[in-house]
Amino acid sequence: MNNARTESMVLTVGFILAIACAGIWQAIVEIGGGRPLQALDLFRRVPTAANLRAYERDLEDASWLTKQLRPGMQYRQFVWLKEAGEKVLIGRDGWLFYKPGVNVLLSRPRPISGNPGADDPVAAIVAFREALAERGIELLVVVAPNKESVYPDKLTWRAAGMSGVVGPKTVGLLRRLDAAGVKTVDLFAVFDRVRQTGGPPLYLIQDSHWSPEGVAVAAKAIAGQIIDYGWIERGDIAFEIRPAVVERVGDVLRMLQVPRLEQEAVPETIRCGQVIRSDTGATYKDDPDSQVLILGDSFLRIYETDEPGSAGLIAHLAGQLKQPLTSLVSDGGASTLVRQELYRRPALWKNKKIVVWEFVERDIELGAEGWQIIPLLPIGKNSE
């Protein structure tokens, strides 16, 4: 207890000294470098709340002392106080979580504004489904659960014994999609059932993404639903799984931007399964003429274009369906950006019968560019 109190006091005193000296050091650095004093920018702006916030951000970003002290202070906060800043939460047993996603899980749904196409995912999804239906294409929506939704017990001891929590925003979304007749895959229920049986974790410990085991479970569930709906039949290409081991420092740890922590971290050993064509021995490759187009974010990219390659959800779903897919991936942009890219690439519509649209749960609230309604090219142009 005394050690913790001493460490806390050291950090507090260091923080106070940094605040007291920051302005003086910054002025010395700027004058020595022949640059104008940035502090004077305050008097060149109209004193509105927005301008004051912008000035504060600019001052923090340019501060020489902040840049020198921040990594060391963040390292000590992490090691001594188990505090990881705005983007990271330290869970139990070494598990790390993406803090904005946790905040979304715990917060109440926000009201939809008068412009539903900009911030209402259901309006955007239904509009997309209808545009696809005009082309004779089915839509299957896959919400990739946040890590904390599947492993709340690893986030806090208060959730001990719990194996899954679905946040109110997600519950509301899935209910509204069901009422609108949009087909979805309930990975929350699937993952919860798998957790009950034990086995390896479905998510990485240091990372916000699913593990290879999570990928395999998701691919099997998605393929099973596609076949059950009778939209297509399984193909005739045989695929095999080849073991591949990679070492990975998780994205949540890297979000801290503290080099010393990354250097000291022990990378996770990840045992992936590369998807291999049985007839040629070649690793999985997309086919632009496939019947199935899959859209998504980094939950499609991990293990697929990342190491070891051809071992992500795209390849495993292809293996389950016994046919290659066509894919389009936008890191962090599965709410709107990926559909904007799809609009610019009409050749991707060729021969398509199904679109599988994956996006991570937190993007219900945090999706880049919101949830815009994106038109598709006229039917006569979809194969150009």
Protein backbone atom coordinates (compact mmCIF):
# COMPACT_ATOMS: atom_id res chain seq x y z
CA MET A 1 0.00 0.00 0.00
CA ASN A 2 2.82 2.40 0.91
CA ASN A 3 4.59 1.67 -2.39
CA ALA A 4 1.45 2.39 -4.36
CA ARG A 5 0.96 5.66 -2.45
CA THR A 6 4.57 6.69 -3.12
CA GLU A 7 4.30 5.88 -6.82
CA SER A 8 1.07 7.85 -7.07
CA MET A 9 2.68 10.85 -5.34
CA VAL A 10 5.71 10.73 -7.67
CA LEU A 11 3.45 10.82 -10.70
CA THR A 12 1.34 13.61 -9.23
CA VAL A 13 4.36 15.80 -8.43
CA GLY A 14 5.83 15.10 -11.86
CA PHE A 15 2.56 16.06 -13.50
CA ILE A 16 2.35 19.35 -11.56
CA LEU A 17 5.95 20.24 -12.43
CA ALA A 18 5.30 19.46 -16.09
CA ILE A 19 2.30 21.79 -16.12
CA ALA A 20 4.20 24.55 -14.32
CA CYS A 21 7.23 24.38 -16.62
CA ALA A 22 5.58 23.55 -19.92
CA GLY A 23 4.95 27.13 -21.00
CA ILE A 24 8.46 28.32 -20.11
CA TRP A 25 10.17 25.42 -21.89
CA GLN A 26 7.99 25.82 -24.97
CA ALA A 27 8.80 29.55 -25.19
CA ILE A 28 12.54 28.82 -24.89
CA VAL A 29 12.38 26.16 -27.62
CA GLU A 30 10.38 28.38 -29.99
CA ILE A 31 12.59 31.47 -29.49
CA GLY A 32 15.73 29.36 -29.83
CA GLY A 33 14.41 27.94 -33.09
CA GLY A 34 13.46 31.33 -34.46
CA ARG A 35 9.75 30.47 -34.45
CA PRO A 36 6.89 32.75 -33.33
CA LEU A 37 5.44 32.09 -29.89
CA GLN A 38 2.51 29.76 -30.31
CA ALA A 39 0.97 31.00 -27.06
CA LEU A 40 0.19 34.28 -28.85
CA ASP A 41 -2.19 32.41 -31.17
CA LEU A 42 -4.72 32.63 -28.38
CA PHE A 43 -5.05 36.36 -29.02
CA ARG A 44 -5.38 35.93 -32.78
CA ARG A 45 -8.55 33.84 -32.59
CA VAL A 46 -12.13 34.74 -31.83
CA PRO A 47 -12.67 33.47 -28.25
CA THR A 48 -15.34 30.84 -29.06
CA ALA A 49 -15.54 27.45 -27.37
CA ALA A 50 -14.53 25.69 -30.59
CA ASN A 51 -11.51 27.95 -31.12
CA LEU A 52 -10.38 27.53 -27.54
CA ARG A 53 -10.55 23.73 -27.85
CA ALA A 54 -8.65 23.86 -31.14
CA TYR A 55 -6.00 26.11 -29.54
CA GLU A 56 -5.64 23.68 -26.65
CA ARG A 57 -5.16 20.73 -29.03
CA ASP A 58 -2.62 22.64 -31.17
CA LEU A 59 -0.68 23.68 -28.08
CA GLU A 60 -0.56 20.12 -26.77
CA ASP A 61 0.51 18.68 -30.13
CA ALA A 62 3.32 21.24 -30.55
CA SER A 63 4.59 21.14 -26.98
CA TRP A 64 8.25 20.10 -26.85
CA LEU A 65 8.08 19.24 -23.15
CA THR A 66 4.95 17.14 -23.65
CA LYS A 67 6.64 15.12 -26.36
CA GLN A 68 9.66 14.51 -24.12
CA LEU A 69 7.75 13.60 -20.98
CA ARG A 70 4.62 11.87 -22.28
CA PRO A 71 6.13 8.42 -23.10
CA GLY A 72 7.78 8.10 -19.69
CA MET A 73 4.71 9.30 -17.82
CA GLN A 74 2.45 6.96 -19.79
CA TYR A 75 4.81 4.05 -19.14
CA ARG A 76 4.73 4.70 -15.38
CA GLN A 77 0.96 5.16 -15.40
CA PHE A 78 0.58 1.80 -17.11
CA VAL A 79 3.05 -0.12 -14.94
CA TRP A 80 2.44 1.55 -11.57
CA LEU A 81 -1.19 2.63 -11.63
CA LYS A 82 -2.66 0.28 -14.26
CA GLU A 83 -3.98 3.36 -16.07
CA ALA A 84 -3.74 3.35 -19.88
CA GLY A 85 -5.26 6.63 -21.06
CA GLU A 86 -8.15 7.38 -23.39
CA LYS A 87 -7.96 4.40 -25.74
CA VAL A 88 -7.05 1.42 -23.57
CA LEU A 89 -8.50 -0.35 -20.55
CA ILE A 90 -6.45 -2.87 -18.62
CA GLY A 91 -8.51 -5.92 -17.81
CA ARG A 92 -7.81 -9.06 -15.84
CA ASP A 93 -5.11 -11.67 -16.48
CA GLY A 94 -3.24 -9.42 -18.89
CA TRP A 95 -6.23 -8.77 -21.17
CA LEU A 96 -6.39 -5.35 -22.87
CA PHE A 97 -9.53 -3.70 -24.25
CA TYR A 98 -10.26 -0.83 -26.64
CA LYS A 99 -11.79 1.78 -24.34
CA PRO A 100 -14.11 3.58 -26.83
CA GLY A 101 -15.72 0.22 -27.60
CA VAL A 102 -16.30 -0.44 -23.90
CA ASN A 103 -17.84 3.02 -23.54
CA VAL A 104 -20.26 2.24 -26.37
CA LEU A 105 -21.24 -1.02 -24.69
CA LEU A 106 -21.98 0.74 -21.40
CA SER A 107 -23.71 3.87 -22.73
CA ARG A 108 -27.37 4.34 -23.53
CA PRO A 109 -28.51 4.49 -27.16
CA ARG A 110 -28.51 8.06 -28.46
CA PRO A 111 -31.64 9.40 -30.16
CA ILE A 112 -31.69 9.39 -33.95
CA SER A 113 -31.51 12.91 -35.37
CA GLY A 114 -33.70 14.40 -38.08
CA ASN A 115 -31.21 13.16 -40.68
CA PRO A 116 -31.50 9.38 -40.28
CA GLY A 117 -29.38 8.61 -43.33
CA ALA A 118 -26.34 10.11 -41.58
CA ASP A 119 -26.49 8.42 -38.19
CA ASP A 120 -29.05 5.60 -38.27
CA PRO A 121 -27.48 2.29 -39.25
CA VAL A 122 -30.85 0.65 -39.86
CA ALA A 123 -31.84 3.24 -42.46
CA ALA A 124 -28.52 2.76 -44.27
CA ILE A 125 -28.67 -1.04 -44.09
CA VAL A 126 -32.27 -1.25 -45.29
CA ALA A 127 -31.55 1.12 -48.19
CA PHE A 128 -28.56 -1.04 -49.17
CA ARG A 129 -30.63 -4.23 -48.92
CA GLU A 130 -33.29 -2.73 -51.19
CA ALA A 131 -30.73 -1.58 -53.75
CA LEU A 132 -29.26 -5.08 -53.81
CA ALA A 133 -32.70 -6.69 -54.10
CA GLU A 134 -33.34 -4.66 -57.27
CA ARG A 135 -30.32 -6.45 -58.72
CA GLY A 136 -31.42 -9.88 -57.53
CA ILE A 137 -28.73 -9.97 -54.81
CA GLU A 138 -29.32 -11.10 -51.22
CA LEU A 139 -27.79 -9.33 -48.20
CA LEU A 140 -26.52 -11.00 -45.03
CA VAL A 141 -25.41 -8.68 -42.20
CA VAL A 142 -22.73 -9.88 -39.77
CA VAL A 143 -22.05 -7.81 -36.65
CA ALA A 144 -18.63 -8.81 -35.28
CA PRO A 145 -18.96 -8.65 -31.48
CA ASN A 146 -16.71 -6.36 -29.48
CA LYS A 147 -14.18 -8.31 -27.47
CA GLU A 148 -15.71 -7.07 -24.20
CA SER A 149 -19.16 -8.31 -25.27
CA VAL A 150 -17.83 -11.87 -25.44
CA TYR A 151 -15.40 -11.64 -22.49
CA PRO A 152 -16.88 -9.22 -19.93
CA ASP A 153 -15.37 -11.38 -17.20
CA LYS A 154 -11.88 -10.54 -18.51
CA LEU A 155 -12.68 -6.83 -18.35
CA THR A 156 -13.60 -6.66 -14.66
CA TRP A 157 -14.00 -8.98 -11.70
CA ARG A 158 -17.53 -7.58 -11.30
CA ALA A 159 -18.49 -9.63 -14.37
CA ALA A 160 -17.01 -12.86 -13.04
CA GLY A 161 -19.13 -15.79 -14.14
CA MET A 162 -20.62 -13.91 -17.10
CA SER A 163 -19.81 -15.25 -20.57
CA GLY A 164 -21.47 -12.65 -22.77
CA VAL A 165 -23.13 -9.25 -22.66
CA VAL A 166 -24.99 -7.67 -25.56
CA GLY A 167 -25.18 -3.88 -25.21
CA PRO A 168 -28.46 -1.96 -25.62
CA LYS A 169 -27.35 -0.36 -28.91
CA THR A 170 -26.65 -3.78 -30.39
CA VAL A 171 -29.88 -5.30 -29.09
CA GLY A 172 -31.82 -2.40 -30.58
CA LEU A 173 -30.06 -2.69 -33.92
CA LEU A 174 -30.62 -6.44 -34.26
CA ARG A 175 -34.28 -6.13 -33.28
CA ARG A 176 -34.92 -3.33 -35.78
CA LEU A 177 -33.13 -5.21 -38.55
CA ASP A 178 -35.22 -8.30 -37.83
CA ALA A 179 -38.40 -6.21 -37.92
CA ALA A 180 -37.29 -4.78 -41.29
CA GLY A 181 -36.70 -8.27 -42.69
CA VAL A 182 -32.92 -7.93 -42.93
CA LYS A 183 -31.13 -11.26 -42.54
CA THR A 184 -28.38 -11.30 -39.89
CA VAL A 185 -25.98 -13.77 -38.29
CA ASP A 186 -26.15 -13.71 -34.48
CA LEU A 187 -22.48 -14.25 -33.63
CA PHE A 188 -23.18 -13.14 -30.06
CA ALA A 189 -25.25 -16.27 -29.42
CA VAL A 190 -22.85 -18.46 -31.41
CA PHE A 191 -19.79 -17.24 -29.50
CA ASP A 192 -21.57 -17.57 -26.16
CA ARG A 193 -22.40 -21.21 -26.88
CA VAL A 194 -18.79 -21.92 -27.84
CA ARG A 195 -17.52 -20.25 -24.65
CA GLN A 196 -19.68 -22.56 -22.58
CA THR A 197 -17.85 -25.56 -24.01
CA GLY A 198 -14.39 -24.22 -23.10
CA GLY A 199 -11.47 -24.27 -25.51
CA PRO A 200 -9.09 -21.54 -26.68
CA PRO A 201 -10.16 -17.87 -26.45
CA LEU A 202 -12.16 -16.49 -29.37
CA TYR A 203 -10.31 -13.15 -29.11
CA LEU A 204 -6.66 -12.14 -28.74
CA ILE A 205 -5.47 -11.04 -25.32
CA GLN A 206 -3.55 -7.89 -26.38
CA ASP A 207 -5.66 -7.10 -29.45
CA SER A 208 -9.19 -5.91 -30.23
CA HIS A 209 -9.70 -8.61 -32.91
CA TRP A 210 -10.81 -12.20 -32.82
CA SER A 211 -8.39 -15.10 -32.61
CA PRO A 212 -8.04 -17.78 -35.31
CA GLU A 213 -10.53 -19.84 -33.29
CA GLY A 214 -13.00 -16.95 -33.45
CA VAL A 215 -12.45 -16.68 -37.21
CA ALA A 216 -13.18 -20.39 -37.71
CA VAL A 217 -16.35 -20.28 -35.60
CA ALA A 218 -17.63 -17.15 -37.39
CA ALA A 219 -16.91 -18.59 -40.85
CA LYS A 220 -18.77 -21.81 -40.08
CA ALA A 221 -21.80 -19.90 -38.72
CA ILE A 222 -21.97 -17.54 -41.72
CA ALA A 223 -21.59 -20.33 -44.28
CA GLY A 224 -24.20 -22.44 -42.53
CA GLN A 225 -26.73 -19.63 -42.64
CA ILE A 226 -26.07 -18.93 -46.33
CA ILE A 227 -26.63 -22.60 -47.18
CA ASP A 228 -29.71 -22.85 -44.93
CA TYR A 229 -31.32 -19.92 -46.76
CA GLY A 230 -30.79 -21.77 -50.04
CA TRP A 231 -29.20 -18.75 -51.71
CA ILE A 232 -26.39 -20.82 -53.23
CA GLU A 233 -25.09 -24.37 -53.02
CA ARG A 234 -21.66 -25.31 -51.81
CA GLY A 235 -19.05 -25.39 -54.55
CA ASP A 236 -16.85 -28.25 -55.63
CA ILE A 237 -13.39 -26.89 -54.73
CA ALA A 238 -11.67 -28.75 -51.92
CA PHE A 239 -9.64 -26.72 -49.44
CA GLU A 240 -7.29 -27.84 -46.68
CA ILE A 241 -6.01 -26.10 -43.55
CA ARG A 242 -2.24 -25.71 -43.11
CA PRO A 243 -0.91 -24.67 -39.66
CA ALA A 244 0.93 -21.34 -39.56
CA VAL A 245 2.31 -19.67 -36.44
CA VAL A 246 2.78 -15.88 -36.13
CA GLU A 247 3.98 -13.62 -33.32
CA ARG A 248 1.90 -10.46 -32.86
CA VAL A 249 2.01 -7.43 -30.56
CA GLY A 250 -1.64 -6.45 -30.25
CA ASP A 251 -3.18 -3.31 -31.70
CA VAL A 252 -4.54 -2.26 -28.29
CA LEU A 253 -1.03 -2.22 -26.84
CA ARG A 254 0.26 -0.27 -29.86
CA MET A 255 -2.51 2.31 -29.39
CA LEU A 256 -0.69 3.49 -26.26
CA GLN A 257 2.18 4.73 -28.48
CA VAL A 258 4.69 4.01 -25.74
CA PRO A 259 7.73 2.42 -27.42
CA ARG A 260 9.14 1.04 -24.18
CA LEU A 261 5.95 -0.92 -23.51
CA GLU A 262 6.01 -2.39 -27.01
CA GLN A 263 9.66 -3.34 -26.63
CA GLU A 264 9.05 -5.03 -23.29
CA ALA A 265 5.81 -6.73 -24.34
CA VAL A 266 5.84 -10.46 -24.98
CA PRO A 267 4.13 -10.97 -28.37
CA GLU A 268 1.21 -13.36 -28.50
CA THR A 269 1.94 -16.65 -30.21
CA ILE A 270 -0.97 -17.13 -32.60
CA ARG A 271 -1.63 -20.49 -34.22
CA CYS A 272 -3.45 -19.76 -37.45
CA GLY A 273 -4.85 -22.00 -40.17
CA GLN A 274 -3.96 -21.05 -43.73
CA VAL A 275 -6.54 -22.08 -46.30
CA ILE A 276 -4.94 -24.09 -49.14
CA ARG A 277 -6.43 -25.40 -52.37
CA SER A 278 -6.19 -29.18 -52.30
CA ASP A 279 -5.78 -29.46 -56.08
CA THR A 280 -2.90 -26.99 -56.49
CA GLY A 281 -1.44 -26.55 -53.00
CA ALA A 282 -1.69 -22.75 -53.48
CA THR A 283 -2.88 -20.45 -50.71
CA TYR A 284 -6.41 -19.07 -51.05
CA LYS A 285 -7.00 -16.26 -53.58
CA ASP A 286 -10.15 -14.25 -54.33
CA ASP A 287 -12.08 -14.68 -57.55
CA PRO A 288 -13.65 -11.49 -59.03
CA ASP A 289 -16.31 -13.66 -60.76
CA SER A 290 -17.47 -15.28 -57.50
CA GLN A 291 -21.17 -15.49 -56.57
CA VAL A 292 -20.39 -14.05 -53.13
CA LEU A 293 -19.08 -10.57 -52.32
CA ILE A 294 -17.95 -9.92 -48.73
CA LEU A 295 -17.52 -6.40 -47.39
CA GLY A 296 -15.98 -5.47 -44.07
CA ASP A 297 -13.29 -3.95 -41.91
CA SER A 298 -10.13 -5.06 -40.11
CA PHE A 299 -11.95 -8.14 -38.82
CA LEU A 300 -11.68 -9.37 -42.41
CA ARG A 301 -8.13 -8.11 -42.87
CA ILE A 302 -6.52 -9.77 -39.83
CA TYR A 303 -4.64 -12.98 -40.80
CA GLU A 304 -5.88 -12.50 -44.39
CA THR A 305 -3.56 -9.79 -45.74
CA ASP A 306 -1.75 -9.60 -42.40
CA GLU A 307 0.57 -12.45 -41.50
CA PRO A 308 0.37 -15.32 -42.26
CA GLY A 309 -1.97 -14.49 -45.16
CA SER A 310 -4.99 -16.42 -46.48
CA ALA A 311 -5.97 -17.36 -42.92
CA GLY A 312 -8.67 -14.80 -42.11
CA LEU A 313 -12.44 -14.83 -42.29
CA ILE A 314 -12.50 -14.40 -46.08
CA ALA A 315 -10.39 -17.50 -46.72
CA HIS A 316 -12.15 -19.60 -44.07
CA LEU A 317 -15.60 -18.65 -45.34
CA ALA A 318 -14.48 -19.62 -48.84
CA GLY A 319 -13.28 -22.93 -47.46
CA GLN A 320 -16.64 -23.55 -45.80
CA LEU A 321 -18.53 -22.67 -49.01
CA LYS A 322 -16.02 -24.59 -51.16
CA GLN A 323 -15.65 -21.70 -53.57
CA PRO A 324 -13.61 -18.48 -53.71
CA LEU A 325 -15.16 -15.13 -52.79
CA THR A 326 -14.80 -11.55 -53.94
CA SER A 327 -13.82 -9.24 -51.08
CA LEU A 328 -13.61 -5.52 -50.35
CA VAL A 329 -12.03 -4.39 -47.08
CA SER A 330 -11.86 -0.92 -45.53
CA ASP A 331 -9.99 -0.74 -42.23
CA GLY A 332 -12.26 1.04 -39.76
CA GLY A 333 -14.64 1.98 -42.57
CA ALA A 334 -17.24 -0.77 -42.80
CA SER A 335 -20.16 1.52 -41.94
CA THR A 336 -19.93 3.88 -44.93
CA LEU A 337 -16.46 4.00 -46.51
CA VAL A 338 -16.56 0.44 -47.84
CA ARG A 339 -19.87 1.12 -49.62
CA GLN A 340 -18.48 4.31 -51.09
CA GLU A 341 -15.60 2.27 -52.49
CA LEU A 342 -18.07 -0.29 -53.81
CA TYR A 343 -19.90 2.46 -55.68
CA ARG A 344 -16.64 3.41 -57.39
CA ARG A 345 -15.95 -0.21 -58.41
CA PRO A 346 -19.06 -1.47 -60.24
CA ALA A 347 -17.20 -4.42 -61.77
CA LEU A 348 -17.43 -6.11 -58.36
CA TRP A 349 -21.15 -6.73 -59.01
CA LYS A 350 -20.44 -9.20 -61.81
CA ASN A 351 -22.18 -12.58 -61.23
CA LYS A 352 -23.04 -11.75 -57.61
CA LYS A 353 -25.91 -13.49 -55.80
CA ILE A 354 -25.00 -12.63 -52.19
CA VAL A 355 -23.37 -9.76 -50.32
CA VAL A 356 -22.08 -10.53 -46.83
CA TRP A 357 -21.59 -7.25 -44.95
CA GLU A 358 -19.46 -7.45 -41.80
CA PHE A 359 -18.87 -4.55 -39.41
CA VAL A 360 -17.63 -4.48 -35.83
CA GLU A 361 -20.17 -3.85 -33.07
CA ARG A 362 -18.63 -0.58 -31.87
CA ASP A 363 -19.18 0.99 -35.29
CA ILE A 364 -22.91 1.02 -34.64
CA GLU A 365 -22.01 4.21 -32.77
CA LEU A 366 -18.46 5.02 -33.92
CA GLY A 367 -18.48 4.18 -37.63
CA ALA A 368 -16.25 6.43 -39.74
CA GLU A 369 -18.40 8.91 -41.71
CA GLY A 370 -21.46 7.73 -39.79
CA TRP A 371 -24.10 5.68 -41.59
CA GLN A 372 -24.77 7.42 -44.87
CA ILE A 373 -27.16 6.10 -47.48
CA ILE A 374 -24.93 5.36 -50.46
CA PRO A 375 -26.61 4.80 -53.85
CA LEU A 376 -25.51 2.10 -56.24
CA LEU A 377 -24.92 2.60 -59.93
CA PRO A 378 -27.91 1.98 -62.23
CA ILE A 379 -28.55 -1.67 -62.94
CA GLY A 380 -27.34 -1.36 -66.50
CA LYS A 381 -23.92 -0.18 -65.31
CA ASN A 382 -23.23 -2.72 -62.59
CA SER A 383 -21.01 -4.92 -64.72
CA GLU A 384 -18.86 -2.27 -66.35
